[in-house]
């Protein structure tokens, strides 16, 4: 997804740790929410509801796109399934 690539691009593809994962999750949230604000009709909702939807999506993307990915990669390295970066 373009949002994820924007996250890694902001760090020039040089950092694959927490900063890159968090940046990637943030940009995934921004890009996908910007698309769906019009596609799903969120634009017609009250501002507090739009902010609540955005924050919920951001927390979800941080949890599944950064934290979970980080720990899965650690487990794969520990199992010698992949080489550490």
Protein backbone atom coordinates (compact mmCIF):
# COMPACT_ATOMS: atom_id res chain seq x y z
CA UNK A 1 0.00 0.00 0.00
CA UNK A 2 1.18 3.51 -0.77
CA UNK A 3 0.74 4.64 2.83
CA UNK A 4 3.12 2.01 4.13
CA UNK A 5 5.75 2.93 1.55
CA UNK A 6 5.42 6.60 2.51
CA UNK A 7 6.29 5.63 6.06
CA UNK A 8 9.52 3.95 5.04
CA UNK A 9 10.28 6.66 2.47
CA UNK A 10 10.20 9.36 5.15
CA UNK A 11 13.18 7.59 6.76
CA UNK A 12 14.87 6.99 3.37
CA UNK A 13 14.61 3.19 3.75
CA UNK A 14 17.56 3.27 6.20
CA UNK A 15 15.78 2.42 9.42
CA UNK A 16 13.73 -0.75 9.80
CA UNK A 17 13.09 -0.50 13.55
CA UNK A 18 10.40 1.16 15.64
CA UNK A 19 10.59 4.59 13.98
CA UNK A 20 9.96 3.09 10.53
CA UNK A 21 7.14 0.86 11.75
CA UNK A 22 5.41 3.71 13.56
CA UNK A 23 5.86 6.05 10.60
CA UNK A 24 4.48 3.40 8.28
CA UNK A 25 1.44 2.79 10.49
CA UNK A 26 0.78 6.53 10.72
CA UNK A 27 0.91 7.02 6.94
CA UNK A 28 -1.26 3.97 6.31
CA UNK A 29 -3.84 5.56 8.60
CA UNK A 30 -3.66 8.94 6.88
CA UNK A 31 -3.84 7.60 3.32
CA UNK A 32 -6.58 5.03 3.95
CA UNK A 33 -8.64 7.44 6.04
CA UNK A 34 -8.34 10.19 3.42
CA UNK A 35 -9.68 7.77 0.82
CA UNK A 36 -12.51 6.46 2.97
CA UNK A 37 -13.60 9.83 4.30
CA UNK A 38 -15.27 10.37 0.93
CA UNK A 39 -15.85 6.76 -0.15
CA UNK A 40 -17.69 5.77 3.04
CA UNK A 41 -19.30 9.16 3.59
CA UNK A 42 -17.46 10.00 6.81
CA UNK A 43 -17.37 13.61 5.60
CA UNK A 44 -21.04 13.94 6.56
CA UNK A 45 -20.42 13.00 10.19
CA UNK A 46 -19.76 15.42 13.02
CA UNK A 47 -16.13 16.38 13.59
CA UNK A 48 -15.82 14.58 16.96
CA UNK A 49 -17.02 11.36 15.32
CA UNK A 50 -14.54 11.77 12.44
CA UNK A 51 -11.73 12.28 14.96
CA UNK A 52 -12.85 9.23 16.94
CA UNK A 53 -12.83 7.11 13.77
CA UNK A 54 -9.37 8.39 12.85
CA UNK A 55 -7.96 7.74 16.33
CA UNK A 56 -9.46 4.26 16.43
CA UNK A 57 -7.93 3.46 13.06
CA UNK A 58 -4.56 4.88 14.13
CA UNK A 59 -4.47 2.77 17.30
CA UNK A 60 -5.44 -0.31 15.30
CA UNK A 61 -2.78 0.35 12.64
CA UNK A 62 -0.14 0.93 15.32
CA UNK A 63 -1.08 -2.29 17.08
CA UNK A 64 -1.28 -4.55 14.01
CA UNK A 65 1.11 -2.72 11.67
CA UNK A 66 3.90 -1.91 14.11
CA UNK A 67 3.76 -3.80 17.39
CA UNK A 68 2.59 -7.15 16.04
CA UNK A 69 4.95 -6.98 13.04
CA UNK A 70 7.88 -6.17 15.31
CA UNK A 71 7.27 -9.17 17.55
CA UNK A 72 6.59 -11.57 14.66
CA UNK A 73 9.90 -10.56 13.08
CA UNK A 74 11.67 -11.10 16.43
CA UNK A 75 10.17 -14.59 16.68
CA UNK A 76 11.21 -15.41 13.10
CA UNK A 77 14.77 -14.28 13.80
CA UNK A 78 14.87 -16.31 17.01
CA UNK A 79 13.62 -19.38 15.10
CA UNK A 80 16.38 -18.79 12.50
CA UNK A 81 13.74 -18.52 9.78
CA UNK A 82 15.11 -15.14 8.66
CA UNK A 83 18.37 -13.27 9.06
CA UNK A 84 18.42 -10.21 11.36
CA UNK A 85 18.70 -6.91 9.55
